[in-house]
Amino acid sequence: MTAILERFTMFIKAIAYASAAIIMGGCASVSYIVDNYSGVPIQEVETSYDTFRVFDKPAENRMMITTSIASASGQGIVGGLMLNPAGGATPLPIFREAVEKYLAQSGRACQVKDGALIAVPQWEFRYTCEPEKVAMRQ
């Protein structure tokens, strides 16, 4: 009985440490998102995978993109159950496809440069556009 209690105690401690690490790591991500994307109008783009929410900042040639609220919730639950905040994350190529489709639909001639995971399921992408198209965006 004592061995079972010791294992249970170790399990609870592991969950507590993992939770603390996730929370502390998430604070910086949330702060970045709020500082950089608060007030940015939300656009949507649909792919065969999902409907994505896009927070585009054309003047800065970058955007944040996230899955639908339903998908985002599911990813959070999967990651939490696995004690891995990225465990349920949608892969970068799926987000990149949505970004490319959004940029094409916007009528801009842009190329995606790179993408980085900010916080599951928010990705930030940087892009470059042809100069003559930049003037039309403003």
N, C-alpha and C. Protein backbone atom coordinates (compact mmCIF):
# COMPACT_ATOMS: atom_id res chain seq x y z
N MET A 1 0.82 -1.19 0.00
CA MET A 1 0.00 0.00 0.00
C MET A 1 0.87 1.26 0.00
N THR A 2 1.97 1.22 0.72
CA THR A 2 2.87 2.37 0.80
C THR A 2 3.48 2.67 -0.57
N ALA A 3 3.84 1.65 -1.32
CA ALA A 3 4.42 1.84 -2.65
C ALA A 3 3.43 2.51 -3.59
N ILE A 4 2.18 2.13 -3.50
CA ILE A 4 1.14 2.75 -4.34
C ILE A 4 0.98 4.22 -3.97
N LEU A 5 0.97 4.52 -2.68
CA LEU A 5 0.84 5.91 -2.22
C LEU A 5 2.03 6.74 -2.67
N GLU A 6 3.24 6.17 -2.61
CA GLU A 6 4.44 6.89 -3.05
C GLU A 6 4.38 7.18 -4.56
N ARG A 7 3.97 6.20 -5.33
CA ARG A 7 3.84 6.41 -6.79
C ARG A 7 2.80 7.47 -7.10
N PHE A 8 1.68 7.44 -6.39
CA PHE A 8 0.62 8.43 -6.61
C PHE A 8 1.14 9.83 -6.26
N THR A 9 1.87 9.95 -5.17
CA THR A 9 2.44 11.23 -4.75
C THR A 9 3.42 11.74 -5.81
N MET A 10 4.26 10.86 -6.32
CA MET A 10 5.21 11.27 -7.37
C MET A 10 4.47 11.71 -8.63
N PHE A 11 3.39 11.03 -8.97
CA PHE A 11 2.58 11.39 -10.14
C PHE A 11 1.99 12.79 -9.97
N ILE A 12 1.43 13.05 -8.81
CA ILE A 12 0.83 14.37 -8.53
C ILE A 12 1.90 15.46 -8.59
N LYS A 13 3.07 15.21 -8.05
CA LYS A 13 4.16 16.19 -8.10
C LYS A 13 4.57 16.46 -9.55
N ALA A 14 4.65 15.41 -10.36
CA ALA A 14 5.01 15.57 -11.77
C ALA A 14 3.99 16.44 -12.49
N ILE A 15 2.73 16.20 -12.22
CA ILE A 15 1.67 17.02 -12.84
C ILE A 15 1.81 18.48 -12.39
N ALA A 16 2.07 18.70 -11.12
CA ALA A 16 2.21 20.07 -10.60
C ALA A 16 3.39 20.77 -11.26
N TYR A 17 4.54 20.10 -11.36
CA TYR A 17 5.71 20.71 -12.00
C TYR A 17 5.47 20.99 -13.48
N ALA A 18 4.85 20.05 -14.17
CA ALA A 18 4.56 20.24 -15.59
C ALA A 18 3.59 21.39 -15.80
N SER A 19 2.58 21.48 -14.95
CA SER A 19 1.60 22.56 -15.05
C SER A 19 2.25 23.91 -14.82
N ALA A 20 3.13 23.98 -13.82
CA ALA A 20 3.82 25.25 -13.53
C ALA A 20 4.68 25.67 -14.72
N ALA A 21 5.39 24.72 -15.32
CA ALA A 21 6.22 25.04 -16.48
C ALA A 21 5.38 25.53 -17.66
N ILE A 22 4.25 24.89 -17.88
CA ILE A 22 3.36 25.29 -18.98
C ILE A 22 2.82 26.70 -18.74
N ILE A 23 2.37 26.96 -17.52
CA ILE A 23 1.81 28.27 -17.19
C ILE A 23 2.85 29.36 -17.33
N MET A 24 4.04 29.13 -16.80
CA MET A 24 5.09 30.15 -16.87
C MET A 24 5.52 30.39 -18.31
N GLY A 25 5.63 29.34 -19.10
CA GLY A 25 6.00 29.51 -20.50
C GLY A 25 4.92 30.20 -21.29
N GLY A 26 3.67 29.95 -20.95
CA GLY A 26 2.54 30.54 -21.66
C GLY A 26 2.36 32.02 -21.40
N CYS A 27 2.84 32.51 -20.27
CA CYS A 27 2.67 33.93 -19.92
C CYS A 27 3.36 34.83 -20.94
N ALA A 28 4.57 34.47 -21.34
CA ALA A 28 5.30 35.27 -22.31
C ALA A 28 4.58 35.27 -23.65
N SER A 29 4.04 34.12 -24.05
CA SER A 29 3.34 34.02 -25.32
C SER A 29 2.08 34.88 -25.33
N VAL A 30 1.31 34.80 -24.25
CA VAL A 30 0.08 35.60 -24.16
C VAL A 30 0.42 37.08 -24.19
N SER A 31 1.44 37.47 -23.48
CA SER A 31 1.86 38.87 -23.47
C SER A 31 2.24 39.34 -24.87
N TYR A 32 2.98 38.52 -25.60
CA TYR A 32 3.39 38.87 -26.97
C TYR A 32 2.16 39.04 -27.86
N ILE A 33 1.23 38.12 -27.76
CA ILE A 33 0.02 38.18 -28.58
C ILE A 33 -0.78 39.45 -28.27
N VAL A 34 -0.98 39.74 -27.00
CA VAL A 34 -1.74 40.93 -26.60
C VAL A 34 -1.02 42.19 -27.06
N ASP A 35 0.30 42.25 -26.85
CA ASP A 35 1.06 43.45 -27.22
C ASP A 35 1.08 43.68 -28.72
N ASN A 36 1.09 42.63 -29.50
CA ASN A 36 1.26 42.77 -30.95
C ASN A 36 -0.01 42.64 -31.78
N TYR A 37 -1.06 42.01 -31.24
CA TYR A 37 -2.23 41.75 -32.07
C TYR A 37 -3.55 42.24 -31.50
N SER A 38 -3.53 42.91 -30.36
CA SER A 38 -4.78 43.47 -29.83
C SER A 38 -5.31 44.52 -30.80
N GLY A 39 -6.59 44.44 -31.07
CA GLY A 39 -7.22 45.43 -31.94
C GLY A 39 -7.08 45.17 -33.42
N VAL A 40 -6.33 44.15 -33.81
CA VAL A 40 -6.19 43.84 -35.23
C VAL A 40 -7.47 43.14 -35.69
N PRO A 41 -8.10 43.64 -36.75
CA PRO A 41 -9.33 43.01 -37.23
C PRO A 41 -9.12 41.54 -37.60
N ILE A 42 -10.11 40.73 -37.29
CA ILE A 42 -10.03 39.30 -37.57
C ILE A 42 -10.65 39.02 -38.94
N GLN A 43 -9.88 38.35 -39.78
CA GLN A 43 -10.35 37.90 -41.08
C GLN A 43 -10.44 36.37 -41.01
N GLU A 44 -11.10 35.77 -41.95
CA GLU A 44 -11.18 34.32 -41.99
C GLU A 44 -10.77 33.81 -43.36
N VAL A 45 -10.18 32.62 -43.36
CA VAL A 45 -9.86 31.93 -44.59
C VAL A 45 -10.17 30.46 -44.35
N GLU A 46 -10.78 29.85 -45.35
CA GLU A 46 -11.19 28.45 -45.22
C GLU A 46 -10.33 27.57 -46.12
N THR A 47 -9.87 26.47 -45.55
CA THR A 47 -9.15 25.46 -46.32
C THR A 47 -9.88 24.13 -46.13
N SER A 48 -9.38 23.10 -46.74
CA SER A 48 -10.01 21.79 -46.56
C SER A 48 -9.79 21.27 -45.14
N TYR A 49 -8.84 21.84 -44.43
CA TYR A 49 -8.55 21.40 -43.06
C TYR A 49 -9.47 22.07 -42.03
N ASP A 50 -9.68 23.38 -42.15
CA ASP A 50 -10.39 24.14 -41.13
C ASP A 50 -10.67 25.55 -41.64
N THR A 51 -11.42 26.29 -40.85
CA THR A 51 -11.57 27.73 -41.06
C THR A 51 -10.60 28.39 -40.10
N PHE A 52 -9.72 29.21 -40.64
CA PHE A 52 -8.68 29.85 -39.84
C PHE A 52 -9.03 31.31 -39.59
N ARG A 53 -8.63 31.80 -38.42
CA ARG A 53 -8.77 33.21 -38.10
C ARG A 53 -7.42 33.88 -38.33
N VAL A 54 -7.44 34.98 -39.08
CA VAL A 54 -6.21 35.66 -39.49
C VAL A 54 -6.19 37.06 -38.90
N PHE A 55 -5.07 37.41 -38.28
CA PHE A 55 -4.85 38.75 -37.73
C PHE A 55 -3.69 39.34 -38.54
N ASP A 56 -4.02 40.01 -39.63
CA ASP A 56 -3.02 40.49 -40.59
C ASP A 56 -2.58 41.90 -40.26
N LYS A 57 -1.26 42.12 -40.32
CA LYS A 57 -0.68 43.45 -40.12
C LYS A 57 0.14 43.78 -41.38
N PRO A 58 -0.55 44.18 -42.45
CA PRO A 58 0.12 44.40 -43.73
C PRO A 58 1.26 45.42 -43.67
N ALA A 59 1.13 46.44 -42.86
CA ALA A 59 2.18 47.46 -42.77
C ALA A 59 3.47 46.87 -42.20
N GLU A 60 3.36 45.77 -41.47
CA GLU A 60 4.53 45.12 -40.87
C GLU A 60 4.89 43.80 -41.56
N ASN A 61 4.14 43.47 -42.61
CA ASN A 61 4.37 42.22 -43.35
C ASN A 61 4.41 41.00 -42.43
N ARG A 62 3.44 40.93 -41.53
CA ARG A 62 3.33 39.76 -40.67
C ARG A 62 1.88 39.56 -40.25
N MET A 63 1.60 38.34 -39.85
CA MET A 63 0.25 38.02 -39.40
C MET A 63 0.31 36.90 -38.38
N MET A 64 -0.72 36.87 -37.54
CA MET A 64 -0.92 35.73 -36.66
C MET A 64 -2.12 35.00 -37.20
N ILE A 65 -2.05 33.68 -37.17
CA ILE A 65 -3.14 32.86 -37.68
C ILE A 65 -3.41 31.76 -36.67
N THR A 66 -4.68 31.44 -36.50
CA THR A 66 -5.08 30.40 -35.57
C THR A 66 -6.24 29.61 -36.15
N THR A 67 -6.40 28.40 -35.67
CA THR A 67 -7.52 27.58 -36.13
C THR A 67 -8.83 28.12 -35.58
N SER A 68 -9.93 27.53 -36.00
CA SER A 68 -11.24 27.92 -35.48
C SER A 68 -11.27 27.70 -33.97
N ILE A 69 -12.20 28.34 -33.30
CA ILE A 69 -12.30 28.22 -31.85
C ILE A 69 -12.52 26.75 -31.44
N ALA A 70 -13.34 26.03 -32.18
CA ALA A 70 -13.59 24.62 -31.86
C ALA A 70 -12.31 23.80 -31.97
N SER A 71 -11.54 23.99 -33.04
CA SER A 71 -10.29 23.25 -33.21
C SER A 71 -9.28 23.64 -32.14
N ALA A 72 -9.21 24.94 -31.84
CA ALA A 72 -8.26 25.41 -30.83
C ALA A 72 -8.56 24.78 -29.48
N SER A 73 -9.82 24.68 -29.13
CA SER A 73 -10.20 24.06 -27.86
C SER A 73 -9.78 22.60 -27.83
N GLY A 74 -10.01 21.90 -28.91
CA GLY A 74 -9.62 20.49 -28.99
C GLY A 74 -8.12 20.31 -28.86
N GLN A 75 -7.35 21.20 -29.47
CA GLN A 75 -5.90 21.11 -29.38
C GLN A 75 -5.43 21.34 -27.95
N GLY A 76 -6.07 22.26 -27.27
CA GLY A 76 -5.71 22.53 -25.87
C GLY A 76 -5.99 21.33 -24.98
N ILE A 77 -7.11 20.68 -25.21
CA ILE A 77 -7.47 19.50 -24.41
C ILE A 77 -6.49 18.37 -24.66
N VAL A 78 -6.17 18.12 -25.93
CA VAL A 78 -5.23 17.04 -26.26
C VAL A 78 -3.87 17.33 -25.64
N GLY A 79 -3.38 18.56 -25.78
CA GLY A 79 -2.09 18.91 -25.20
C GLY A 79 -2.09 18.78 -23.70
N GLY A 80 -3.17 19.18 -23.05
CA GLY A 80 -3.27 19.07 -21.60
C GLY A 80 -3.28 17.63 -21.13
N LEU A 81 -4.01 16.78 -21.81
CA LEU A 81 -4.06 15.38 -21.43
C LEU A 81 -2.71 14.71 -21.60
N MET A 82 -1.94 15.18 -22.56
CA MET A 82 -0.64 14.59 -22.80
C MET A 82 0.46 15.26 -21.97
N LEU A 83 0.09 16.27 -21.17
CA LEU A 83 1.06 17.06 -20.41
C LEU A 83 2.13 17.64 -21.34
N ASN A 84 1.68 18.02 -22.52
CA ASN A 84 2.57 18.54 -23.54
C ASN A 84 1.83 19.66 -24.25
N PRO A 85 2.22 20.92 -24.00
CA PRO A 85 1.46 22.03 -24.59
C PRO A 85 1.43 22.03 -26.11
N ALA A 86 2.38 21.39 -26.77
CA ALA A 86 2.37 21.33 -28.22
C ALA A 86 1.83 20.00 -28.73
N GLY A 87 1.37 19.15 -27.81
CA GLY A 87 0.93 17.81 -28.17
C GLY A 87 -0.19 17.76 -29.18
N GLY A 88 -1.10 18.72 -29.13
CA GLY A 88 -2.22 18.72 -30.06
C GLY A 88 -2.07 19.75 -31.15
N ALA A 89 -0.87 20.28 -31.34
CA ALA A 89 -0.65 21.37 -32.29
C ALA A 89 -0.82 20.92 -33.73
N THR A 90 -1.50 21.74 -34.51
CA THR A 90 -1.62 21.52 -35.94
C THR A 90 -0.26 21.83 -36.57
N PRO A 91 0.22 21.00 -37.49
CA PRO A 91 1.55 21.20 -38.09
C PRO A 91 1.65 22.48 -38.92
N LEU A 92 2.84 23.02 -38.97
CA LEU A 92 3.13 24.25 -39.72
C LEU A 92 2.65 24.23 -41.17
N PRO A 93 2.84 23.16 -41.95
CA PRO A 93 2.41 23.20 -43.35
C PRO A 93 0.91 23.49 -43.53
N ILE A 94 0.10 23.05 -42.60
CA ILE A 94 -1.34 23.31 -42.69
C ILE A 94 -1.62 24.80 -42.50
N PHE A 95 -0.92 25.42 -41.55
CA PHE A 95 -1.07 26.87 -41.34
C PHE A 95 -0.51 27.64 -42.53
N ARG A 96 0.64 27.20 -43.03
CA ARG A 96 1.26 27.89 -44.16
C ARG A 96 0.32 27.89 -45.38
N GLU A 97 -0.33 26.77 -45.62
CA GLU A 97 -1.30 26.69 -46.72
C GLU A 97 -2.41 27.73 -46.54
N ALA A 98 -2.90 27.87 -45.30
CA ALA A 98 -3.95 28.85 -45.02
C ALA A 98 -3.45 30.27 -45.23
N VAL A 99 -2.22 30.54 -44.81
CA VAL A 99 -1.62 31.88 -45.00
C VAL A 99 -1.50 32.20 -46.48
N GLU A 100 -0.98 31.24 -47.25
CA GLU A 100 -0.83 31.47 -48.70
C GLU A 100 -2.18 31.71 -49.37
N LYS A 101 -3.19 30.97 -48.96
CA LYS A 101 -4.53 31.15 -49.53
C LYS A 101 -5.08 32.52 -49.14
N TYR A 102 -4.90 32.92 -47.90
CA TYR A 102 -5.38 34.23 -47.45
C TYR A 102 -4.71 35.35 -48.25
N LEU A 103 -3.40 35.28 -48.40
CA LEU A 103 -2.67 36.32 -49.14
C LEU A 103 -3.13 36.36 -50.60
N ALA A 104 -3.34 35.21 -51.21
CA ALA A 104 -3.82 35.16 -52.60
C ALA A 104 -5.21 35.78 -52.71
N GLN A 105 -6.10 35.45 -51.77
CA GLN A 105 -7.46 36.00 -51.79
C GLN A 105 -7.47 37.51 -51.55
N SER A 106 -6.45 38.02 -50.86
CA SER A 106 -6.41 39.46 -50.58
C SER A 106 -5.99 40.26 -51.80
N GLY A 107 -5.54 39.57 -52.85
CA GLY A 107 -5.15 40.26 -54.07
C GLY A 107 -3.72 40.77 -54.04
N ARG A 108 -2.98 40.40 -53.03
CA ARG A 108 -1.59 40.85 -52.92
C ARG A 108 -0.66 39.77 -53.47
N ALA A 109 0.41 40.22 -54.13
CA ALA A 109 1.42 39.30 -54.64
C ALA A 109 2.49 39.17 -53.56
N CYS A 110 2.30 38.23 -52.66
CA CYS A 110 3.19 38.07 -51.51
C CYS A 110 3.76 36.66 -51.44
N GLN A 111 4.91 36.56 -50.82
CA GLN A 111 5.56 35.27 -50.58
C GLN A 111 5.76 35.11 -49.07
N VAL A 112 5.41 33.96 -48.55
CA VAL A 112 5.61 33.67 -47.14
C VAL A 112 7.10 33.42 -46.90
N LYS A 113 7.66 34.11 -45.91
CA LYS A 113 9.08 33.93 -45.58
C LYS A 113 9.27 32.83 -44.54
N ASP A 114 8.59 32.97 -43.42
CA ASP A 114 8.76 31.99 -42.35
C ASP A 114 7.57 32.01 -41.41
N GLY A 115 7.49 30.98 -40.60
CA GLY A 115 6.42 30.88 -39.61
C GLY A 115 6.97 30.32 -38.32
N ALA A 116 6.40 30.78 -37.20
CA ALA A 116 6.84 30.32 -35.89
C ALA A 116 5.64 30.14 -34.98
N LEU A 117 5.67 29.09 -34.20
CA LEU A 117 4.62 28.84 -33.22
C LEU A 117 4.77 29.83 -32.08
N ILE A 118 3.71 30.62 -31.82
CA ILE A 118 3.72 31.55 -30.69
C ILE A 118 3.21 30.83 -29.45
N ALA A 119 2.03 30.27 -29.58
CA ALA A 119 1.39 29.49 -28.52
C ALA A 119 0.35 28.62 -29.21
N VAL A 120 0.22 27.40 -28.82
CA VAL A 120 -0.75 26.50 -29.47
C VAL A 120 -2.14 27.09 -29.32
N PRO A 121 -2.86 27.34 -30.39
CA PRO A 121 -2.59 27.07 -31.79
C PRO A 121 -2.31 28.33 -32.60
N GLN A 122 -1.63 29.31 -32.04
CA GLN A 122 -1.34 30.55 -32.77
C GLN A 122 0.05 30.49 -33.39
N TRP A 123 0.09 30.77 -34.69
CA TRP A 123 1.34 30.85 -35.43
C TRP A 123 1.49 32.26 -35.97
N GLU A 124 2.72 32.72 -36.04
CA GLU A 124 3.00 34.01 -36.66
C GLU A 124 3.81 33.77 -37.93
N PHE A 125 3.39 34.42 -39.01
CA PHE A 125 4.09 34.31 -40.28
C PHE A 125 4.54 35.68 -40.73
N ARG A 126 5.70 35.72 -41.33
CA ARG A 126 6.22 36.93 -41.95
C ARG A 126 6.19 36.69 -43.46
N TYR A 127 5.99 37.78 -44.20
CA TYR A 127 5.90 37.65 -45.65
C TYR A 127 6.42 38.91 -46.31
N THR A 128 6.72 38.81 -47.58
CA THR A 128 7.13 39.96 -48.38
C THR A 128 6.17 40.09 -49.55
N CYS A 129 5.94 41.32 -49.96
CA CYS A 129 5.03 41.58 -51.08
C CYS A 129 5.73 42.41 -52.14
N GLU A 130 5.24 42.28 -53.36
CA GLU A 130 5.78 43.10 -54.44
C GLU A 130 5.49 44.56 -54.14
N PRO A 131 6.45 45.46 -54.40
CA PRO A 131 6.27 46.88 -54.04
C PRO A 131 5.01 47.53 -54.59
N GLU A 132 4.64 47.26 -55.85
CA GLU A 132 3.45 47.91 -56.40
C GLU A 132 2.17 47.47 -55.70
N LYS A 133 2.17 46.31 -55.10
CA LYS A 133 0.99 45.83 -54.38
C LYS A 133 0.90 46.48 -52.99
N VAL A 134 2.03 46.90 -52.44
CA VAL A 134 2.03 47.51 -51.11
C VAL A 134 1.22 48.79 -51.12
N ALA A 135 1.39 49.61 -52.14
CA ALA A 135 0.66 50.88 -52.19
C ALA A 135 -0.84 50.67 -52.26
N MET A 136 -1.30 49.58 -52.85
CA MET A 136 -2.73 49.32 -52.98
C MET A 136 -3.37 48.89 -51.66
N ARG A 137 -2.57 48.41 -50.69
CA ARG A 137 -3.10 47.92 -49.42
C ARG A 137 -3.50 49.05 -48.49
N GLN A 138 -2.92 50.20 -48.66
CA GLN A 138 -3.11 51.26 -47.67
C GLN A 138 -4.34 52.07 -47.88
